[in-house]
Amino acid sequence: GMGWFRQAPGKEREFVSAISRSGGSTYYADSVKGRFTISRVYAK
């Protein structure tokens, strides 16, 4: 599986999104739902 996090100056690192190892399940922080999309290309 893979995840994306972000960190603004002076703030803690926060979860953004994640994708399962199969690519079949994705997860998003409420703050980015509907705006961000996580994906993966295994060949690359």
Full PDB file with SEQRES, HELIX, SHEET, SSBOND, CRYST1, ORIGX, SCALE, CONECT and MASTER records, all heavy atoms in Angstrom:
SEQRES   1 A   44  GLY MET GLY TRP PHE ARG GLN ALA PRO GLY LYS GLU ARG          
SEQRES   2 A   44  GLU PHE VAL SER ALA ILE SER ARG SER GLY GLY SER THR          
SEQRES   3 A   44  TYR TYR ALA ASP SER VAL LYS GLY ARG PHE THR ILE SER          
SEQRES   4 A   44  ARG VAL TYR ALA LYS                                          
SHEET    1 AA1 3 MET A   2  ARG A   6  0                                        
SHEET    2 AA1 3 GLU A  14  ILE A  19 -1                                        
SHEET    3 AA1 3 THR A  26  TYR A  28 -1                                        
CRYST1    1.000    1.000    1.000  90.00  90.00  90.00 P 1           1          
ORIGX1      1.000000  0.000000  0.000000        0.00000                         
ORIGX2      0.000000  1.000000  0.000000        0.00000                         
ORIGX3      0.000000  0.000000  1.000000        0.00000                         
SCALE1      1.000000  0.000000  0.000000        0.00000                         
SCALE2      0.000000  1.000000  0.000000        0.00000                         
SCALE3      0.000000  0.000000  1.000000        0.00000                         
ATOM      1  N   GLY A   1       0.831  -1.183   0.000  1.00  0.00           N  
ATOM      2  CA  GLY A   1       0.000   0.000   0.000  1.00  0.00           C  
ATOM      3  C   GLY A   1       0.876   1.247   0.000  1.00  0.00           C  
ATOM      4  O   GLY A   1       2.068   1.191   0.303  1.00  0.00           O  
ATOM      5  N   MET A   2       0.287   2.371  -0.360  1.00  0.00           N  
ATOM      6  CA  MET A   2       1.017   3.631  -0.407  1.00  0.00           C  
ATOM      7  C   MET A   2       0.153   4.736   0.174  1.00  0.00           C  
ATOM      8  O   MET A   2      -1.072   4.698   0.083  1.00  0.00           O  
ATOM      9  CB  MET A   2       1.409   3.985  -1.838  1.00  0.00           C  
ATOM     10  CG  MET A   2       2.361   3.015  -2.503  1.00  0.00           C  
ATOM     11  SD  MET A   2       4.037   3.110  -1.809  1.00  0.00           S  
ATOM     12  CE  MET A   2       4.512   4.766  -2.343  1.00  0.00           C  
ATOM     13  N   GLY A   3       0.814   5.728   0.743  1.00  0.00           N  
ATOM     14  CA  GLY A   3       0.100   6.848   1.319  1.00  0.00           C  
ATOM     15  C   GLY A   3       0.702   8.183   0.932  1.00  0.00           C  
ATOM     16  O   GLY A   3       1.874   8.267   0.546  1.00  0.00           O  
ATOM     17  N   TRP A   4      -0.122   9.202   1.015  1.00  0.00           N  
ATOM     18  CA  TRP A   4       0.312  10.584   0.850  1.00  0.00           C  
ATOM     19  C   TRP A   4       0.019  11.351   2.133  1.00  0.00           C  
ATOM     20  O   TRP A   4      -1.078  11.231   2.700  1.00  0.00           O  
ATOM     21  CB  TRP A   4      -0.401  11.275  -0.314  1.00  0.00           C  
ATOM     22  CG  TRP A   4       0.099  10.903  -1.671  1.00  0.00           C  
ATOM     23  CD1 TRP A   4      -0.429   9.984  -2.523  1.00  0.00           C  
ATOM     24  CD2 TRP A   4       1.227  11.470  -2.343  1.00  0.00           C  
ATOM     25  NE1 TRP A   4       0.285   9.933  -3.683  1.00  0.00           N  
ATOM     26  CE2 TRP A   4       1.315  10.837  -3.603  1.00  0.00           C  
ATOM     27  CE3 TRP A   4       2.166  12.445  -2.014  1.00  0.00           C  
ATOM     28  CZ2 TRP A   4       2.308  11.145  -4.532  1.00  0.00           C  
ATOM     29  CZ3 TRP A   4       3.152  12.749  -2.932  1.00  0.00           C  
ATOM     30  CH2 TRP A   4       3.215  12.106  -4.166  1.00  0.00           C  
ATOM     31  N   PHE A   5       0.990  12.137   2.568  1.00  0.00           N  
ATOM     32  CA  PHE A   5       0.852  13.004   3.718  1.00  0.00           C  
ATOM     33  C   PHE A   5       1.298  14.409   3.338  1.00  0.00           C  
ATOM     34  O   PHE A   5       1.962  14.607   2.317  1.00  0.00           O  
ATOM     35  CB  PHE A   5       1.694  12.497   4.892  1.00  0.00           C  
ATOM     36  CG  PHE A   5       1.182  11.219   5.497  1.00  0.00           C  
ATOM     37  CD1 PHE A   5       1.390  10.000   4.880  1.00  0.00           C  
ATOM     38  CD2 PHE A   5       0.486  11.244   6.699  1.00  0.00           C  
ATOM     39  CE1 PHE A   5       0.919   8.822   5.438  1.00  0.00           C  
ATOM     40  CE2 PHE A   5       0.013  10.076   7.274  1.00  0.00           C  
ATOM     41  CZ  PHE A   5       0.230   8.867   6.638  1.00  0.00           C  
ATOM     42  N   ARG A   6       0.957  15.369   4.173  1.00  0.00           N  
ATOM     43  CA  ARG A   6       1.429  16.725   3.948  1.00  0.00           C  
ATOM     44  C   ARG A   6       1.751  17.379   5.281  1.00  0.00           C  
ATOM     45  O   ARG A   6       1.211  17.014   6.320  1.00  0.00           O  
ATOM     46  CB  ARG A   6       0.414  17.557   3.173  1.00  0.00           C  
ATOM     47  CG  ARG A   6      -0.889  17.825   3.906  1.00  0.00           C  
ATOM     48  CD  ARG A   6      -1.894  18.490   2.974  1.00  0.00           C  
ATOM     49  NE  ARG A   6      -3.142  18.808   3.644  1.00  0.00           N  
ATOM     50  CZ  ARG A   6      -4.221  19.268   3.030  1.00  0.00           C  
ATOM     51  NH1 ARG A   6      -4.201  19.472   1.709  1.00  0.00           N  
ATOM     52  NH2 ARG A   6      -5.322  19.534   3.718  1.00  0.00           N  
ATOM     53  N   GLN A   7       2.622  18.362   5.221  1.00  0.00           N  
ATOM     54  CA  GLN A   7       3.032  19.061   6.420  1.00  0.00           C  
ATOM     55  C   GLN A   7       3.250  20.538   6.100  1.00  0.00           C  
ATOM     56  O   GLN A   7       4.089  20.878   5.274  1.00  0.00           O  
ATOM     57  CB  GLN A   7       4.304  18.454   7.004  1.00  0.00           C  
ATOM     58  CG  GLN A   7       4.693  19.015   8.353  1.00  0.00           C  
ATOM     59  CD  GLN A   7       5.764  18.180   9.032  1.00  0.00           C  
ATOM     60  OE1 GLN A   7       6.547  17.502   8.372  1.00  0.00           O  
ATOM     61  NE2 GLN A   7       5.794  18.222  10.354  1.00  0.00           N  
ATOM     62  N   ALA A   8       2.488  21.372   6.756  1.00  0.00           N  
ATOM     63  CA  ALA A   8       2.651  22.811   6.645  1.00  0.00           C  
ATOM     64  C   ALA A   8       3.616  23.287   7.718  1.00  0.00           C  
ATOM     65  O   ALA A   8       3.784  22.628   8.750  1.00  0.00           O  
ATOM     66  CB  ALA A   8       1.303  23.509   6.786  1.00  0.00           C  
ATOM     67  N   PRO A   9       4.261  24.429   7.514  1.00  0.00           N  
ATOM     68  CA  PRO A   9       5.209  24.935   8.512  1.00  0.00           C  
ATOM     69  C   PRO A   9       4.583  25.061   9.891  1.00  0.00           C  
ATOM     70  O   PRO A   9       3.500  25.631  10.044  1.00  0.00           O  
ATOM     71  CB  PRO A   9       5.605  26.301   7.957  1.00  0.00           C  
ATOM     72  CG  PRO A   9       5.414  26.171   6.482  1.00  0.00           C  
ATOM     73  CD  PRO A   9       4.206  25.300   6.325  1.00  0.00           C  
ATOM     74  N   GLY A  10       5.256  24.520  10.888  1.00  0.00           N  
ATOM     75  CA  GLY A  10       4.791  24.606  12.257  1.00  0.00           C  
ATOM     76  C   GLY A  10       3.671  23.659  12.616  1.00  0.00           C  
ATOM     77  O   GLY A  10       3.175  23.699  13.743  1.00  0.00           O  
ATOM     78  N   LYS A  11       3.266  22.809  11.691  1.00  0.00           N  
ATOM     79  CA  LYS A  11       2.183  21.880  11.945  1.00  0.00           C  
ATOM     80  C   LYS A  11       2.665  20.441  11.849  1.00  0.00           C  
ATOM     81  O   LYS A  11       3.710  20.154  11.271  1.00  0.00           O  
ATOM     82  CB  LYS A  11       1.037  22.113  10.965  1.00  0.00           C  
ATOM     83  CG  LYS A  11       0.352  23.460  11.115  1.00  0.00           C  
ATOM     84  CD  LYS A  11      -0.863  23.555  10.223  1.00  0.00           C  
ATOM     85  CE  LYS A  11      -1.597  24.859  10.429  1.00  0.00           C  
ATOM     86  NZ  LYS A  11      -2.807  24.947   9.575  1.00  0.00           N  
ATOM     87  N   GLU A  12       1.874  19.553  12.409  1.00  0.00           N  
ATOM     88  CA  GLU A  12       2.185  18.137  12.343  1.00  0.00           C  
ATOM     89  C   GLU A  12       1.894  17.589  10.954  1.00  0.00           C  
ATOM     90  O   GLU A  12       1.058  18.115  10.221  1.00  0.00           O  
ATOM     91  CB  GLU A  12       1.379  17.360  13.384  1.00  0.00           C  
ATOM     92  CG  GLU A  12       1.710  17.698  14.826  1.00  0.00           C  
ATOM     93  CD  GLU A  12       0.912  16.873  15.807  1.00  0.00           C  
ATOM     94  OE1 GLU A  12       0.049  16.093  15.365  1.00  0.00           O  
ATOM     95  OE2 GLU A  12       1.157  17.002  17.016  1.00  0.00           O  
ATOM     96  N   ARG A  13       2.589  16.532  10.631  1.00  0.00           N  
ATOM     97  CA  ARG A  13       2.326  15.852   9.380  1.00  0.00           C  
ATOM     98  C   ARG A  13       0.942  15.212   9.432  1.00  0.00           C  
ATOM     99  O   ARG A  13       0.595  14.534  10.399  1.00  0.00           O  
ATOM    100  CB  ARG A  13       3.398  14.793   9.125  1.00  0.00           C  
ATOM    101  CG  ARG A  13       3.386  14.204   7.743  1.00  0.00           C  
ATOM    102  CD  ARG A  13       4.671  13.429   7.476  1.00  0.00           C  
ATOM    103  NE  ARG A  13       5.840  14.294   7.557  1.00  0.00           N  
ATOM    104  CZ  ARG A  13       7.065  13.899   7.244  1.00  0.00           C  
ATOM    105  NH1 ARG A  13       7.298  12.668   6.817  1.00  0.00           N  
ATOM    106  NH2 ARG A  13       8.074  14.760   7.359  1.00  0.00           N  
ATOM    107  N   GLU A  14       0.151  15.428   8.397  1.00  0.00           N  
ATOM    108  CA  GLU A  14      -1.210  14.925   8.397  1.00  0.00           C  
ATOM    109  C   GLU A  14      -1.482  14.034   7.200  1.00  0.00           C  
ATOM    110  O   GLU A  14      -0.926  14.210   6.114  1.00  0.00           O  
ATOM    111  CB  GLU A  14      -2.219  16.074   8.431  1.00  0.00           C  
ATOM    112  CG  GLU A  14      -2.231  16.944   7.192  1.00  0.00           C  
ATOM    113  CD  GLU A  14      -3.377  17.937   7.184  1.00  0.00           C  
ATOM    114  OE1 GLU A  14      -4.348  17.753   7.945  1.00  0.00           O  
ATOM    115  OE2 GLU A  14      -3.301  18.914   6.404  1.00  0.00           O  
ATOM    116  N   PHE A  15      -2.368  13.110   7.421  1.00  0.00           N  
ATOM    117  CA  PHE A  15      -2.775  12.176   6.387  1.00  0.00           C  
ATOM    118  C   PHE A  15      -3.558  12.876   5.294  1.00  0.00           C  
ATOM    119  O   PHE A  15      -4.401  13.731   5.564  1.00  0.00           O  
ATOM    120  CB  PHE A  15      -3.624  11.070   7.014  1.00  0.00           C  
ATOM    121  CG  PHE A  15      -4.284  10.163   6.030  1.00  0.00           C  
ATOM    122  CD1 PHE A  15      -3.575   9.138   5.430  1.00  0.00           C  
ATOM    123  CD2 PHE A  15      -5.612  10.322   5.703  1.00  0.00           C  
ATOM    124  CE1 PHE A  15      -4.181   8.284   4.526  1.00  0.00           C  
ATOM    125  CE2 PHE A  15      -6.234   9.480   4.801  1.00  0.00           C  
ATOM    126  CZ  PHE A  15      -5.511   8.458   4.209  1.00  0.00           C  
ATOM    127  N   VAL A  16      -3.288  12.497   4.054  1.00  0.00           N  
ATOM    128  CA  VAL A  16      -4.023  13.025   2.910  1.00  0.00           C  
ATOM    129  C   VAL A  16      -4.801  11.924   2.203  1.00  0.00           C  
ATOM    130  O   VAL A  16      -6.012  12.031   1.996  1.00  0.00           O  
ATOM    131  CB  VAL A  16      -3.084  13.722   1.907  1.00  0.00           C  
ATOM    132  CG1 VAL A  16      -3.858  14.172   0.676  1.00  0.00           C  
ATOM    133  CG2 VAL A  16      -2.392  14.906   2.566  1.00  0.00           C  
ATOM    134  N   SER A  17      -4.100  10.864   1.833  1.00  0.00           N  
ATOM    135  CA  SER A  17      -4.733   9.811   1.057  1.00  0.00           C  
ATOM    136  C   SER A  17      -3.906   8.540   1.133  1.00  0.00           C  
ATOM    137  O   SER A  17      -2.719   8.573   1.453  1.00  0.00           O  
ATOM    138  CB  SER A  17      -4.890  10.253  -0.402  1.00  0.00           C  
ATOM    139  OG  SER A  17      -5.601   9.296  -1.159  1.00  0.00           O  
ATOM    140  N   ALA A  18      -4.531   7.419   0.821  1.00  0.00           N  
ATOM    141  CA  ALA A  18      -3.828   6.143   0.775  1.00  0.00           C  
ATOM    142  C   ALA A  18      -4.503   5.230  -0.231  1.00  0.00           C  
ATOM    143  O   ALA A  18      -5.693   5.396  -0.545  1.00  0.00           O  
ATOM    144  CB  ALA A  18      -3.790   5.481   2.149  1.00  0.00           C  
ATOM    145  N   ILE A  19      -3.748   4.268  -0.715  1.00  0.00           N  
ATOM    146  CA  ILE A  19      -4.262   3.292  -1.655  1.00  0.00           C  
ATOM    147  C   ILE A  19      -3.738   1.921  -1.262  1.00  0.00           C  
ATOM    148  O   ILE A  19      -2.585   1.773  -0.860  1.00  0.00           O  
ATOM    149  CB  ILE A  19      -3.870   3.665  -3.108  1.00  0.00           C  
ATOM    150  CG1 ILE A  19      -4.568   2.755  -4.119  1.00  0.00           C  
ATOM    151  CG2 ILE A  19      -2.353   3.655  -3.286  1.00  0.00           C  
ATOM    152  CD1 ILE A  19      -4.475   3.277  -5.553  1.00  0.00           C  
ATOM    153  N   SER A  20      -4.588   0.926  -1.366  1.00  0.00           N  
ATOM    154  CA  SER A  20      -4.209  -0.420  -0.985  1.00  0.00           C  
ATOM    155  C   SER A  20      -3.226  -1.012  -1.982  1.00  0.00           C  
ATOM    156  O   SER A  20      -3.045  -0.505  -3.093  1.00  0.00           O  
ATOM    157  CB  SER A  20      -5.447  -1.305  -0.881  1.00  0.00           C  
ATOM    158  OG  SER A  20      -6.068  -1.462  -2.142  1.00  0.00           O  
ATOM    159  N   ARG A  21      -2.607  -2.102  -1.591  1.00  0.00           N  
ATOM    160  CA  ARG A  21      -1.611  -2.713  -2.466  1.00  0.00           C  
ATOM    161  C   ARG A  21      -2.204  -3.227  -3.763  1.00  0.00           C  
ATOM    162  O   ARG A  21      -1.507  -3.274  -4.787  1.00  0.00           O  
ATOM    163  CB  ARG A  21      -0.858  -3.827  -1.727  1.00  0.00           C  
ATOM    164  CG  ARG A  21      -1.709  -4.995  -1.260  1.00  0.00           C  
ATOM    165  CD  ARG A  21      -0.863  -5.916  -0.389  1.00  0.00           C  
ATOM    166  NE  ARG A  21      -1.617  -7.049   0.119  1.00  0.00           N  
ATOM    167  CZ  ARG A  21      -1.655  -8.239  -0.458  1.00  0.00           C  
ATOM    168  NH1 ARG A  21      -0.977  -8.458  -1.572  1.00  0.00           N  
ATOM    169  NH2 ARG A  21      -2.370  -9.215   0.092  1.00  0.00           N  
ATOM    170  N   SER A  22      -3.458  -3.594  -3.737  1.00  0.00           N  
ATOM    171  CA  SER A  22      -4.129  -4.045  -4.947  1.00  0.00           C  
ATOM    172  C   SER A  22      -4.632  -2.887  -5.801  1.00  0.00           C  
ATOM    173  O   SER A  22      -4.972  -3.081  -6.974  1.00  0.00           O  
ATOM    174  CB  SER A  22      -5.304  -4.951  -4.597  1.00  0.00           C  
ATOM    175  OG  SER A  22      -6.350  -4.216  -3.998  1.00  0.00           O  
ATOM    176  N   GLY A  23      -4.704  -1.719  -5.211  1.00  0.00           N  
ATOM    177  CA  GLY A  23      -5.280  -0.571  -5.885  1.00  0.00           C  
ATOM    178  C   GLY A  23      -6.788  -0.521  -5.808  1.00  0.00           C  
ATOM    179  O   GLY A  23      -7.403   0.431  -6.303  1.00  0.00           O  
ATOM    180  N   GLY A  24      -7.383  -1.512  -5.175  1.00  0.00           N  
ATOM    181  CA  GLY A  24      -8.824  -1.608  -5.139  1.00  0.00           C  
ATOM    182  C   GLY A  24      -9.508  -0.752  -4.091  1.00  0.00           C  
ATOM    183  O   GLY A  24     -10.713  -0.542  -4.161  1.00  0.00           O  
ATOM    184  N   SER A  25      -8.747  -0.273  -3.123  1.00  0.00           N  
ATOM    185  CA  SER A  25      -9.308   0.543  -2.058  1.00  0.00           C  
ATOM    186  C   SER A  25      -8.527   1.835  -1.937  1.00  0.00           C  
ATOM    187  O   SER A  25      -7.295   1.822  -1.964  1.00  0.00           O  
ATOM    188  CB  SER A  25      -9.275  -0.204  -0.728  1.00  0.00           C  
ATOM    189  OG  SER A  25     -10.052  -1.389  -0.790  1.00  0.00           O  
ATOM    190  N   THR A  26      -9.242   2.931  -1.808  1.00  0.00           N  
ATOM    191  CA  THR A  26      -8.616   4.232  -1.617  1.00  0.00           C  
ATOM    192  C   THR A  26      -9.231   4.925  -0.414  1.00  0.00           C  
ATOM    193  O   THR A  26     -10.388   4.684  -0.058  1.00  0.00           O  
ATOM    194  CB  THR A  26      -8.761   5.121  -2.857  1.00  0.00           C  
ATOM    195  OG1 THR A  26     -10.150   5.273  -3.176  1.00  0.00           O  
ATOM    196  CG2 THR A  26      -8.051   4.492  -4.048  1.00  0.00           C  
ATOM    197  N   TYR A  27      -8.456   5.817   0.190  1.00  0.00           N  
ATOM    198  CA  TYR A  27      -8.872   6.504   1.403  1.00  0.00           C  
ATOM    199  C   TYR A  27      -8.447   7.958   1.307  1.00  0.00           C  
ATOM    200  O   TYR A  27      -7.396   8.280   0.758  1.00  0.00           O  
ATOM    201  CB  TYR A  27      -8.238   5.845   2.629  1.00  0.00           C  
ATOM    202  CG  TYR A  27      -8.378   4.345   2.634  1.00  0.00           C  
ATOM    203  CD1 TYR A  27      -7.397   3.536   2.061  1.00  0.00           C  
ATOM    204  CD2 TYR A  27      -9.489   3.730   3.198  1.00  0.00           C  
ATOM    205  CE1 TYR A  27      -7.522   2.159   2.045  1.00  0.00           C  
ATOM    206  CE2 TYR A  27      -9.624   2.351   3.185  1.00  0.00           C  
ATOM    207  CZ  TYR A  27      -8.635   1.568   2.613  1.00  0.00           C  
ATOM    208  OH  TYR A  27      -8.768   0.205   2.600  1.00  0.00           O  
ATOM    209  N   TYR A  28      -9.280   8.837   1.870  1.00  0.00           N  
ATOM    210  CA  TYR A  28      -9.012  10.261   1.793  1.00  0.00           C  
ATOM    211  C   TYR A  28      -9.347  10.956   3.096  1.00  0.00           C  
ATOM    212  O   TYR A  28     -10.306  10.601   3.788  1.00  0.00           O  
ATOM    213  CB  TYR A  28      -9.835  10.913   0.679  1.00  0.00           C  
ATOM    214  CG  TYR A  28      -9.537  10.367  -0.692  1.00  0.00           C  
ATOM    215  CD1 TYR A  28     -10.293   9.338  -1.226  1.00  0.00           C  
ATOM    216  CD2 TYR A  28      -8.489  10.891  -1.443  1.00  0.00           C  
ATOM    217  CE1 TYR A  28     -10.013   8.834  -2.485  1.00  0.00           C  
ATOM    218  CE2 TYR A  28      -8.200  10.390  -2.699  1.00  0.00           C  
ATOM    219  CZ  TYR A  28      -8.973   9.359  -3.216  1.00  0.00           C  
ATOM    220  OH  TYR A  28      -8.691   8.858  -4.464  1.00  0.00           O  
ATOM    221  N   ALA A  29      -8.553  11.952   3.416  1.00  0.00           N  
ATOM    222  CA  ALA A  29      -8.916  12.841   4.502  1.00  0.00           C  
ATOM    223  C   ALA A  29     -10.163  13.625   4.116  1.00  0.00           C  
ATOM    224  O   ALA A  29     -10.381  13.926   2.936  1.00  0.00           O  
ATOM    225  CB  ALA A  29      -7.773  13.799   4.814  1.00  0.00           C  
ATOM    226  N   ASP A  30     -10.980  13.957   5.097  1.00  0.00           N  
ATOM    227  CA  ASP A  30     -12.209  14.691   4.810  1.00  0.00           C  
ATOM    228  C   ASP A  30     -11.933  16.003   4.087  1.00  0.00           C  
ATOM    229  O   ASP A  30     -12.731  16.447   3.254  1.00  0.00           O  
ATOM    230  CB  ASP A  30     -12.964  14.970   6.108  1.00  0.00           C  
ATOM    231  CG  ASP A  30     -13.583  13.721   6.710  1.00  0.00           C  
ATOM    232  OD1 ASP A  30     -13.737  12.717   5.993  1.00  0.00           O  
ATOM    233  OD2 ASP A  30     -13.918  13.757   7.906  1.00  0.00           O  
ATOM    234  N   SER A  31     -10.811  16.617   4.387  1.00  0.00           N  
ATOM    235  CA  SER A  31     -10.499  17.911   3.823  1.00  0.00           C  
ATOM    236  C   SER A  31     -10.225  17.880   2.323  1.00  0.00           C  
ATOM    237  O   SER A  31     -10.261  18.926   1.671  1.00  0.00           O  
ATOM    238  CB  SER A  31      -9.292  18.520   4.547  1.00  0.00           C  
ATOM    239  OG  SER A  31      -8.159  17.680   4.434  1.00  0.00           O  
ATOM    240  N   VAL A  32      -9.950  16.701   1.778  1.00  0.00           N  
ATOM    241  CA  VAL A  32      -9.608  16.614   0.357  1.00  0.00           C  
ATOM    242  C   VAL A  32     -10.574  15.756  -0.438  1.00  0.00           C  
ATOM    243  O   VAL A  32     -10.429  15.649  -1.668  1.00  0.00           O  
ATOM    244  CB  VAL A  32      -8.167  16.102   0.150  1.00  0.00           C  
ATOM    245  CG1 VAL A  32      -7.180  16.955   0.935  1.00  0.00           C  
ATOM    246  CG2 VAL A  32      -8.042  14.635   0.546  1.00  0.00           C  
ATOM    247  N   LYS A  33     -11.548  15.161   0.208  1.00  0.00           N  
ATOM    248  CA  LYS A  33     -12.505  14.315  -0.498  1.00  0.00           C  
ATOM    249  C   LYS A  33     -13.216  15.093  -1.595  1.00  0.00           C  
ATOM    250  O   LYS A  33     -13.651  16.220  -1.394  1.00  0.00           O  
ATOM    251  CB  LYS A  33     -13.532  13.743   0.476  1.00  0.00           C  
ATOM    252  CG  LYS A  33     -13.025  12.608   1.330  1.00  0.00           C  
ATOM    253  CD  LYS A  33     -14.123  12.073   2.234  1.00  0.00           C  
ATOM    254  CE  LYS A  33     -13.617  10.915   3.079  1.00  0.00           C  
ATOM    255  NZ  LYS A  33     -14.657  10.420   4.005  1.00  0.00           N  
ATOM    256  N   GLY A  34     -13.314  14.465  -2.740  1.00  0.00           N  
ATOM    257  CA  GLY A  34     -13.954  15.100  -3.877  1.00  0.00           C  
ATOM    258  C   GLY A  34     -13.052  15.992  -4.684  1.00  0.00           C  
ATOM    259  O   GLY A  34     -13.437  16.438  -5.770  1.00  0.00           O  
ATOM    260  N   ARG A  35     -11.863  16.265  -4.173  1.00  0.00           N  
ATOM    261  CA  ARG A  35     -10.918  17.131  -4.869  1.00  0.00           C  
ATOM    262  C   ARG A  35      -9.646  16.409  -5.289  1.00  0.00           C  
ATOM    263  O   ARG A  35      -9.071  16.724  -6.326  1.00  0.00           O  
ATOM    264  CB  ARG A  35     -10.551  18.333  -3.998  1.00  0.00           C  
ATOM    265  CG  ARG A  35     -11.736  19.195  -3.606  1.00  0.00           C  
ATOM    266  CD  ARG A  35     -11.287  20.486  -2.936  1.00  0.00           C  
ATOM    267  NE  ARG A  35     -10.581  20.236  -1.684  1.00  0.00           N  
ATOM    268  CZ  ARG A  35      -9.320  20.594  -1.447  1.00  0.00           C  
ATOM    269  NH1 ARG A  35      -8.622  21.236  -2.385  1.00  0.00           N  
ATOM    270  NH2 ARG A  35      -8.755  20.336  -0.278  1.00  0.00           N  
ATOM    271  N   PHE A  36      -9.194  15.473  -4.474  1.00  0.00           N  
ATOM    272  CA  PHE A  36      -7.966  14.734  -4.749  1.00  0.00           C  
ATOM    273  C   PHE A  36      -8.291  13.305  -5.144  1.00  0.00           C  
ATOM    274  O   PHE A  36      -9.258  12.711  -4.652  1.00  0.00           O  
ATOM    275  CB  PHE A  36      -7.061  14.704  -3.520  1.00  0.00           C  
ATOM    276  CG  PHE A  36      -6.460  16.018  -3.117  1.00  0.00           C  
ATOM    277  CD1 PHE A  36      -6.847  17.206  -3.706  1.00  0.00           C  
ATOM    278  CD2 PHE A  36      -5.489  16.054  -2.126  1.00  0.00           C  
ATOM    279  CE1 PHE A  36      -6.297  18.421  -3.326  1.00  0.00           C  
ATOM    280  CE2 PHE A  36      -4.926  17.255  -1.730  1.00  0.00           C  
ATOM    281  CZ  PHE A  36      -5.327  18.438  -2.329  1.00  0.00           C  
ATOM    282  N   THR A  37      -7.459  12.741  -6.000  1.00  0.00           N  
ATOM    283  CA  THR A  37      -7.607  11.354  -6.410  1.00  0.00           C  
ATOM    284  C   THR A  37      -6.254  10.664  -6.384  1.00  0.00           C  
ATOM    285  O   THR A  37      -5.300  11.137  -7.005  1.00  0.00           O  
ATOM    286  CB  THR A  37      -8.203  11.241  -7.822  1.00  0.00           C  
ATOM    287  OG1 THR A  37      -9.466  11.903  -7.871  1.00  0.00           O  
ATOM    288  CG2 THR A  37      -8.398   9.778  -8.199  1.00  0.00           C  
ATOM    289  N   ILE A  38      -6.180   9.557  -5.670  1.00  0.00           N  
ATOM    290  CA  ILE A  38      -4.959   8.774  -5.632  1.00  0.00           C  
ATOM    291  C   ILE A  38      -5.080   7.613  -6.612  1.00  0.00           C  
ATOM    292  O   ILE A  38      -6.159   7.039  -6.780  1.00  0.00           O  
ATOM    293  CB  ILE A  38      -4.664   8.265  -4.204  1.00  0.00           C  
ATOM    294  CG1 ILE A  38      -3.264   7.659  -4.108  1.00  0.00           C  
ATOM    295  CG2 ILE A  38      -5.722   7.271  -3.736  1.00  0.00           C  
ATOM    296  CD1 ILE A  38      -2.829   7.354  -2.675  1.00  0.00           C  
ATOM    297  N   SER A  39      -3.992   7.291  -7.269  1.00  0.00           N  
ATOM    298  CA  SER A  39      -3.981   6.186  -8.211  1.00  0.00           C  
ATOM    299  C   SER A  39      -2.576   5.621  -8.295  1.00  0.00           C  
ATOM    300  O   SER A  39      -1.621   6.217  -7.786  1.00  0.00           O  
ATOM    301  CB  SER A  39      -4.476   6.631  -9.591  1.00  0.00           C  
ATOM    302  OG  SER A  39      -3.623   7.616 -10.147  1.00  0.00           O  
ATOM    303  N   ARG A  40      -2.458   4.489  -8.947  1.00  0.00           N  
ATOM    304  CA  ARG A  40      -1.142   3.903  -9.127  1.00  0.00           C  
ATOM    305  C   ARG A  40      -1.050   3.203 -10.465  1.00  0.00           C  
ATOM    306  O   ARG A  40      -2.042   2.697 -10.997  1.00  0.00           O  
ATOM    307  CB  ARG A  40      -0.808   2.947  -7.977  1.00  0.00           C  
ATOM    308  CG  ARG A  40      -1.702   1.720  -7.857  1.00  0.00           C  
ATOM    309  CD  ARG A  40      -1.517   1.031  -6.497  1.00  0.00           C  
ATOM    310  NE  ARG A  40      -0.119   0.755  -6.213  1.00  0.00           N  
ATOM    311  CZ  ARG A  40       0.363   0.394  -5.027  1.00  0.00           C  
ATOM    312  NH1 ARG A  40      -0.464   0.267  -3.989  1.00  0.00           N  
ATOM    313  NH2 ARG A  40       1.653   0.157  -4.864  1.00  0.00           N  
ATOM    314  N   VAL A  41       0.153   3.198 -11.009  1.00  0.00           N  
ATOM    315  CA  VAL A  41       0.450   2.491 -12.245  1.00  0.00           C  
ATOM    316  C   VAL A  41       1.588   1.536 -11.933  1.00  0.00           C  
ATOM    317  O   VAL A  41       2.740   1.948 -11.778  1.00  0.00           O  
ATOM    318  CB  VAL A  41       0.823   3.449 -13.387  1.00  0.00           C  
ATOM    319  CG1 VAL A  41       1.184   2.661 -14.638  1.00  0.00           C  
ATOM    320  CG2 VAL A  41      -0.328   4.400 -13.676  1.00  0.00           C  
ATOM    321  N   TYR A  42       1.268   0.276 -11.844  1.00  0.00           N  
ATOM    322  CA  TYR A  42       2.245  -0.708 -11.410  1.00  0.00           C  
ATOM    323  C   TYR A  42       3.412  -0.837 -12.384  1.00  0.00           C  
ATOM    324  O   TYR A  42       4.549  -1.034 -11.959  1.00  0.00           O  
ATOM    325  CB  TYR A  42       1.564  -2.063 -11.222  1.00  0.00           C  
ATOM    326  CG  TYR A  42       0.595  -2.091 -10.073  1.00  0.00           C  
ATOM    327  CD1 TYR A  42      -0.775  -2.048 -10.289  1.00  0.00           C  
ATOM    328  CD2 TYR A  42       1.055  -2.151  -8.758  1.00  0.00           C  
ATOM    329  CE1 TYR A  42      -1.664  -2.069  -9.231  1.00  0.00           C  
ATOM    330  CE2 TYR A  42       0.175  -2.171  -7.696  1.00  0.00           C  
ATOM    331  CZ  TYR A  42      -1.183  -2.127  -7.939  1.00  0.00           C  
ATOM    332  OH  TYR A  42      -2.066  -2.146  -6.878  1.00  0.00           O  
ATOM    333  N   ALA A  43       3.140  -0.721 -13.666  1.00  0.00           N  
ATOM    334  CA  ALA A  43       4.195  -0.845 -14.661  1.00  0.00           C  
ATOM    335  C   ALA A  43       5.244   0.247 -14.519  1.00  0.00           C  
ATOM    336  O   ALA A  43       6.394   0.054 -14.916  1.00  0.00           O  
ATOM    337  CB  ALA A  43       3.603  -0.828 -16.065  1.00  0.00           C  
ATOM    338  N   LYS A  44       4.859   1.376 -13.980  1.00  0.00           N  
ATOM    339  CA  LYS A  44       5.779   2.490 -13.775  1.00  0.00           C  
ATOM    340  C   LYS A  44       6.310   2.559 -12.353  1.00  0.00           C  
ATOM    341  O   LYS A  44       7.135   3.420 -12.041  1.00  0.00           O  
ATOM    342  CB  LYS A  44       5.090   3.807 -14.127  1.00  0.00           C  
ATOM    343  CG  LYS A  44       4.755   3.971 -15.600  1.00  0.00           C  
ATOM    344  CD  LYS A  44       4.158   5.338 -15.868  1.00  0.00           C  
ATOM    345  CE  LYS A  44       3.896   5.534 -17.351  1.00  0.00           C  
ATOM    346  NZ  LYS A  44       5.164   5.617 -18.112  1.00  0.00           N  
TER     347      LYS A  44                                                      
MASTER        0    0    0    0    3    0    0    6  346    1    0    4          
END                                                                             
